[in-house]
């Protein structure tokens, strides 16, 4: 549904999906698995994700 590259580190890509999942990929990795994926335990919702945007205030890209 939507994507956003991190402005401070463009190798990080955030993707929002129709089923409510949000995933973060490090495009430098050869592995095609996300480095973060929302789940029911991380408060995943079931509505489509129409927009994702990296927070300018959170410079720690490890804190997804």
PDB file of N, CA and C in Angstrom:
ATOM      1  N   UNK A   1       0.817  -1.193   0.000  1.00  0.00           N
ATOM      2  CA  UNK A   1       0.000   0.000   0.000  1.00  0.00           C
ATOM      3  C   UNK A   1       0.862   1.258   0.000  1.00  0.00           C
ATOM      4  N   UNK A   2       1.960   1.264   0.813  1.00  0.00           N
ATOM      5  CA  UNK A   2       2.768   2.482   0.908  1.00  0.00           C
ATOM      6  C   UNK A   2       4.181   2.150   1.362  1.00  0.00           C
ATOM      7  N   UNK A   3       5.115   3.037   1.031  1.00  0.00           N
ATOM      8  CA  UNK A   3       6.504   2.863   1.439  1.00  0.00           C
ATOM      9  C   UNK A   3       7.100   4.218   1.806  1.00  0.00           C
ATOM     10  N   UNK A   4       8.172   4.169   2.609  1.00  0.00           N
ATOM     11  CA  UNK A   4       8.915   5.392   2.938  1.00  0.00           C
ATOM     12  C   UNK A   4      10.349   4.998   3.261  1.00  0.00           C
ATOM     13  N   UNK A   5      11.305   5.660   2.610  1.00  0.00           N
ATOM     14  CA  UNK A   5      12.713   5.471   2.920  1.00  0.00           C
ATOM     15  C   UNK A   5      13.089   6.390   4.072  1.00  0.00           C
ATOM     16  N   UNK A   6      13.998   5.930   4.914  1.00  0.00           N
ATOM     17  CA  UNK A   6      14.500   6.732   6.015  1.00  0.00           C
ATOM     18  C   UNK A   6      15.436   7.796   5.460  1.00  0.00           C
ATOM     19  N   UNK A   7      15.205   9.070   5.803  1.00  0.00           N
ATOM     20  CA  UNK A   7      16.014  10.168   5.270  1.00  0.00           C
ATOM     21  C   UNK A   7      17.430  10.171   5.847  1.00  0.00           C
ATOM     22  N   UNK A   8      17.604   9.716   7.085  1.00  0.00           N
ATOM     23  CA  UNK A   8      18.932   9.706   7.701  1.00  0.00           C
ATOM     24  C   UNK A   8      19.752   8.496   7.266  1.00  0.00           C
ATOM     25  N   UNK A   9      19.094   7.397   6.996  1.00  0.00           N
ATOM     26  CA  UNK A   9      19.766   6.186   6.522  1.00  0.00           C
ATOM     27  C   UNK A   9      18.893   5.553   5.439  1.00  0.00           C
ATOM     28  N   UNK A  10      19.101   5.919   4.167  1.00  0.00           N
ATOM     29  CA  UNK A  10      18.225   5.485   3.083  1.00  0.00           C
ATOM     30  C   UNK A  10      18.223   3.975   2.811  1.00  0.00           C
ATOM     31  N   UNK A  11      19.043   3.221   3.537  1.00  0.00           N
ATOM     32  CA  UNK A  11      19.002   1.774   3.351  1.00  0.00           C
ATOM     33  C   UNK A  11      17.829   1.144   4.104  1.00  0.00           C
ATOM     34  N   UNK A  12      17.165   1.923   4.966  1.00  0.00           N
ATOM     35  CA  UNK A  12      16.007   1.419   5.690  1.00  0.00           C
ATOM     36  C   UNK A  12      14.727   1.822   4.961  1.00  0.00           C
ATOM     37  N   UNK A  13      13.902   0.827   4.689  1.00  0.00           N
ATOM     38  CA  UNK A  13      12.655   1.015   3.959  1.00  0.00           C
ATOM     39  C   UNK A  13      11.512   0.512   4.819  1.00  0.00           C
ATOM     40  N   UNK A  14      10.506   1.345   5.030  1.00  0.00           N
ATOM     41  CA  UNK A  14       9.320   0.961   5.792  1.00  0.00           C
ATOM     42  C   UNK A  14       8.183   0.725   4.806  1.00  0.00           C
ATOM     43  N   UNK A  15       7.460  -0.361   5.004  1.00  0.00           N
ATOM     44  CA  UNK A  15       6.369  -0.736   4.107  1.00  0.00           C
ATOM     45  C   UNK A  15       5.104  -0.955   4.927  1.00  0.00           C
ATOM     46  N   UNK A  16       3.999  -0.353   4.491  1.00  0.00           N
ATOM     47  CA  UNK A  16       2.695  -0.580   5.099  1.00  0.00           C
ATOM     48  C   UNK A  16       1.846  -1.414   4.167  1.00  0.00           C
ATOM     49  N   UNK A  17       1.179  -2.423   4.703  1.00  0.00           N
ATOM     50  CA  UNK A  17       0.434  -3.385   3.887  1.00  0.00           C
ATOM     51  C   UNK A  17      -1.085  -3.266   4.079  1.00  0.00           C
ATOM     52  N   UNK A  18      -1.820  -3.877   3.178  1.00  0.00           N
ATOM     53  CA  UNK A  18      -3.275  -3.832   3.193  1.00  0.00           C
ATOM     54  C   UNK A  18      -3.859  -4.503   4.435  1.00  0.00           C
ATOM     55  N   UNK A  19      -3.177  -5.542   4.942  1.00  0.00           N
ATOM     56  CA  UNK A  19      -3.713  -6.277   6.098  1.00  0.00           C
ATOM     57  C   UNK A  19      -3.344  -5.634   7.436  1.00  0.00           C
ATOM     58  N   UNK A  20      -2.692  -4.462   7.414  1.00  0.00           N
ATOM     59  CA  UNK A  20      -2.333  -3.764   8.630  1.00  0.00           C
ATOM     60  C   UNK A  20      -0.909  -4.009   9.092  1.00  0.00           C
ATOM     61  N   UNK A  21      -0.196  -4.867   8.416  1.00  0.00           N
ATOM     62  CA  UNK A  21       1.184  -5.159   8.766  1.00  0.00           C
ATOM     63  C   UNK A  21       2.091  -4.006   8.361  1.00  0.00           C
ATOM     64  N   UNK A  22       3.070  -3.718   9.209  1.00  0.00           N
ATOM     65  CA  UNK A  22       4.120  -2.751   8.895  1.00  0.00           C
ATOM     66  C   UNK A  22       5.442  -3.499   8.997  1.00  0.00           C
ATOM     67  N   UNK A  23       6.286  -3.366   7.969  1.00  0.00           N
ATOM     68  CA  UNK A  23       7.569  -4.057   7.942  1.00  0.00           C
ATOM     69  C   UNK A  23       8.678  -3.061   7.649  1.00  0.00           C
ATOM     70  N   UNK A  24       9.856  -3.346   8.196  1.00  0.00           N
ATOM     71  CA  UNK A  24      11.040  -2.542   7.923  1.00  0.00           C
ATOM     72  C   UNK A  24      12.089  -3.463   7.328  1.00  0.00           C
ATOM     73  N   UNK A  25      12.652  -3.029   6.221  1.00  0.00           N
ATOM     74  CA  UNK A  25      13.710  -3.772   5.539  1.00  0.00           C
ATOM     75  C   UNK A  25      14.983  -2.950   5.528  1.00  0.00           C
ATOM     76  N   UNK A  26      16.100  -3.631   5.627  1.00  0.00           N
ATOM     77  CA  UNK A  26      17.406  -3.029   5.378  1.00  0.00           C
ATOM     78  C   UNK A  26      17.809  -3.534   3.997  1.00  0.00           C
ATOM     79  N   UNK A  27      17.742  -2.669   3.004  1.00  0.00           N
ATOM     80  CA  UNK A  27      17.950  -3.124   1.631  1.00  0.00           C
ATOM     81  C   UNK A  27      19.398  -3.516   1.348  1.00  0.00           C
ATOM     82  N   UNK A  28      20.305  -3.269   2.304  1.00  0.00           N
ATOM     83  CA  UNK A  28      21.685  -3.732   2.154  1.00  0.00           C
ATOM     84  C   UNK A  28      21.786  -5.235   2.396  1.00  0.00           C
ATOM     85  N   UNK A  29      20.834  -5.795   3.143  1.00  0.00           N
ATOM     86  CA  UNK A  29      20.853  -7.226   3.450  1.00  0.00           C
ATOM     87  C   UNK A  29      20.526  -8.037   2.207  1.00  0.00           C
ATOM     88  N   UNK A  30      21.194  -9.145   2.075  1.00  0.00           N
ATOM     89  CA  UNK A  30      20.925 -10.067   0.965  1.00  0.00           C
ATOM     90  C   UNK A  30      19.687 -10.916   1.249  1.00  0.00           C
ATOM     91  N   UNK A  31      19.319 -11.006   2.532  1.00  0.00           N
ATOM     92  CA  UNK A  31      18.154 -11.789   2.941  1.00  0.00           C
ATOM     93  C   UNK A  31      16.887 -10.988   2.656  1.00  0.00           C
ATOM     94  N   UNK A  32      15.877 -11.650   2.148  1.00  0.00           N
ATOM     95  CA  UNK A  32      14.651 -10.937   1.788  1.00  0.00           C
ATOM     96  C   UNK A  32      13.641 -10.858   2.930  1.00  0.00           C
ATOM     97  N   UNK A  33      14.072 -11.135   4.165  1.00  0.00           N
ATOM     98  CA  UNK A  33      13.177 -11.043   5.321  1.00  0.00           C
ATOM     99  C   UNK A  33      13.283  -9.655   5.938  1.00  0.00           C
ATOM    100  N   UNK A  34      12.167  -9.142   6.490  1.00  0.00           N
ATOM    101  CA  UNK A  34      12.223  -7.829   7.146  1.00  0.00           C
ATOM    102  C   UNK A  34      13.003  -7.899   8.448  1.00  0.00           C
ATOM    103  N   UNK A  35      13.610  -6.779   8.825  1.00  0.00           N
ATOM    104  CA  UNK A  35      14.305  -6.724  10.117  1.00  0.00           C
ATOM    105  C   UNK A  35      13.321  -6.377  11.230  1.00  0.00           C
ATOM    106  N   UNK A  36      12.138  -5.919  10.878  1.00  0.00           N
ATOM    107  CA  UNK A  36      11.046  -5.696  11.832  1.00  0.00           C
ATOM    108  C   UNK A  36       9.737  -5.976  11.112  1.00  0.00           C
ATOM    109  N   UNK A  37       8.820  -6.620  11.818  1.00  0.00           N
ATOM    110  CA  UNK A  37       7.478  -6.869  11.272  1.00  0.00           C
ATOM    111  C   UNK A  37       6.485  -6.760  12.418  1.00  0.00           C
ATOM    112  N   UNK A  38       5.448  -5.945  12.229  1.00  0.00           N
ATOM    113  CA  UNK A  38       4.449  -5.801  13.283  1.00  0.00           C
ATOM    114  C   UNK A  38       3.674  -7.106  13.438  1.00  0.00           C
ATOM    115  N   UNK A  39       3.275  -7.376  14.675  1.00  0.00           N
ATOM    116  CA  UNK A  39       2.505  -8.578  14.974  1.00  0.00           C
ATOM    117  C   UNK A  39       1.372  -8.194  15.918  1.00  0.00           C
ATOM    118  N   UNK A  40       0.573  -9.150  16.275  1.00  0.00           N
ATOM    119  CA  UNK A  40      -0.496  -8.902  17.240  1.00  0.00           C
ATOM    120  C   UNK A  40       0.104  -8.459  18.571  1.00  0.00           C
ATOM    121  N   UNK A  41       1.260  -9.015  18.946  1.00  0.00           N
ATOM    122  CA  UNK A  41       1.921  -8.635  20.197  1.00  0.00           C
ATOM    123  C   UNK A  41       2.465  -7.207  20.162  1.00  0.00           C
ATOM    124  N   UNK A  42       2.782  -6.688  18.974  1.00  0.00           N
ATOM    125  CA  UNK A  42       3.304  -5.321  18.868  1.00  0.00           C
ATOM    126  C   UNK A  42       2.204  -4.352  18.426  1.00  0.00           C
ATOM    127  N   UNK A  43       0.967  -4.710  18.728  1.00  0.00           N
ATOM    128  CA  UNK A  43      -0.208  -3.865  18.460  1.00  0.00           C
ATOM    129  C   UNK A  43      -0.497  -3.670  16.971  1.00  0.00           C
ATOM    130  N   UNK A  44      -0.322  -4.726  16.193  1.00  0.00           N
ATOM    131  CA  UNK A  44      -0.714  -4.688  14.786  1.00  0.00           C
ATOM    132  C   UNK A  44      -2.222  -4.509  14.708  1.00  0.00           C
ATOM    133  N   UNK A  45      -2.660  -3.717  13.774  1.00  0.00           N
ATOM    134  CA  UNK A  45      -4.098  -3.570  13.572  1.00  0.00           C
ATOM    135  C   UNK A  45      -4.495  -4.268  12.286  1.00  0.00           C
ATOM    136  N   UNK A  46      -5.773  -4.292  11.955  1.00  0.00           N
ATOM    137  CA  UNK A  46      -6.228  -5.054  10.787  1.00  0.00           C
ATOM    138  C   UNK A  46      -6.691  -4.177   9.637  1.00  0.00           C
ATOM    139  N   UNK A  47      -6.626  -2.864   9.782  1.00  0.00           N
ATOM    140  CA  UNK A  47      -7.011  -1.966   8.694  1.00  0.00           C
ATOM    141  C   UNK A  47      -5.826  -1.725   7.763  1.00  0.00           C
ATOM    142  N   UNK A  48      -6.088  -1.367   6.504  1.00  0.00           N
ATOM    143  CA  UNK A  48      -4.991  -1.056   5.590  1.00  0.00           C
ATOM    144  C   UNK A  48      -4.139   0.099   6.101  1.00  0.00           C
ATOM    145  N   UNK A  49      -2.854   0.012   5.847  1.00  0.00           N
ATOM    146  CA  UNK A  49      -1.925   1.085   6.210  1.00  0.00           C
ATOM    147  C   UNK A  49      -1.791   1.982   4.985  1.00  0.00           C
ATOM    148  N   UNK A  50      -2.379   3.149   5.049  1.00  0.00           N
ATOM    149  CA  UNK A  50      -2.405   4.059   3.905  1.00  0.00           C
ATOM    150  C   UNK A  50      -1.152   4.915   3.806  1.00  0.00           C
ATOM    151  N   UNK A  51      -0.450   5.120   4.929  1.00  0.00           N
ATOM    152  CA  UNK A  51       0.754   5.937   4.893  1.00  0.00           C
ATOM    153  C   UNK A  51       1.688   5.532   6.027  1.00  0.00           C
ATOM    154  N   UNK A  52       2.977   5.480   5.717  1.00  0.00           N
ATOM    155  CA  UNK A  52       4.008   5.303   6.732  1.00  0.00           C
ATOM    156  C   UNK A  52       4.997   6.447   6.573  1.00  0.00           C
ATOM    157  N   UNK A  53       5.546   6.880   7.691  1.00  0.00           N
ATOM    158  CA  UNK A  53       6.506   7.981   7.654  1.00  0.00           C
ATOM    159  C   UNK A  53       7.460   7.816   8.820  1.00  0.00           C
ATOM    160  N   UNK A  54       8.751   7.938   8.538  1.00  0.00           N
ATOM    161  CA  UNK A  54       9.758   7.875   9.579  1.00  0.00           C
ATOM    162  C   UNK A  54       9.665   9.129  10.439  1.00  0.00           C
ATOM    163  N   UNK A  55       9.808   8.958  11.729  1.00  0.00           N
ATOM    164  CA  UNK A  55       9.781  10.082  12.658  1.00  0.00           C
ATOM    165  C   UNK A  55      11.116  10.808  12.620  1.00  0.00           C
ATOM    166  N   UNK A  56      11.082  12.107  12.489  1.00  0.00           N
ATOM    167  CA  UNK A  56      12.305  12.904  12.497  1.00  0.00           C
ATOM    168  C   UNK A  56      12.888  13.001  13.902  1.00  0.00           C
ATOM    169  N   UNK A  57      12.080  12.774  14.913  1.00  0.00           N
ATOM    170  CA  UNK A  57      12.505  12.925  16.306  1.00  0.00           C
ATOM    171  C   UNK A  57      13.183  11.682  16.848  1.00  0.00           C
ATOM    172  N   UNK A  58      12.996  10.551  16.194  1.00  0.00           N
ATOM    173  CA  UNK A  58      13.581   9.319  16.672  1.00  0.00           C
ATOM    174  C   UNK A  58      14.738   8.928  15.754  1.00  0.00           C
ATOM    175  N   UNK A  59      15.945   9.307  16.144  1.00  0.00           N
ATOM    176  CA  UNK A  59      17.107   9.061  15.302  1.00  0.00           C
ATOM    177  C   UNK A  59      17.658   7.651  15.463  1.00  0.00           C
ATOM    178  N   UNK A  60      17.162   6.899  16.451  1.00  0.00           N
ATOM    179  CA  UNK A  60      17.627   5.548  16.673  1.00  0.00           C
ATOM    180  C   UNK A  60      16.847   4.585  15.779  1.00  0.00           C
ATOM    181  N   UNK A  61      17.438   4.200  14.654  1.00  0.00           N
ATOM    182  CA  UNK A  61      16.723   3.348  13.707  1.00  0.00           C
ATOM    183  C   UNK A  61      16.533   1.935  14.238  1.00  0.00           C
ATOM    184  N   UNK A  62      17.182   1.584  15.346  1.00  0.00           N
ATOM    185  CA  UNK A  62      16.981   0.253  15.943  1.00  0.00           C
ATOM    186  C   UNK A  62      15.691   0.216  16.760  1.00  0.00           C
ATOM    187  N   UNK A  63      15.098   1.352  17.041  1.00  0.00           N
ATOM    188  CA  UNK A  63      13.876   1.427  17.833  1.00  0.00           C
ATOM    189  C   UNK A  63      12.673   1.569  16.902  1.00  0.00           C
ATOM    190  N   UNK A  64      12.316   0.483  16.267  1.00  0.00           N
ATOM    191  CA  UNK A  64      11.220   0.517  15.302  1.00  0.00           C
ATOM    192  C   UNK A  64       9.878   0.503  16.006  1.00  0.00           C
TER     193      UNK A  64
END
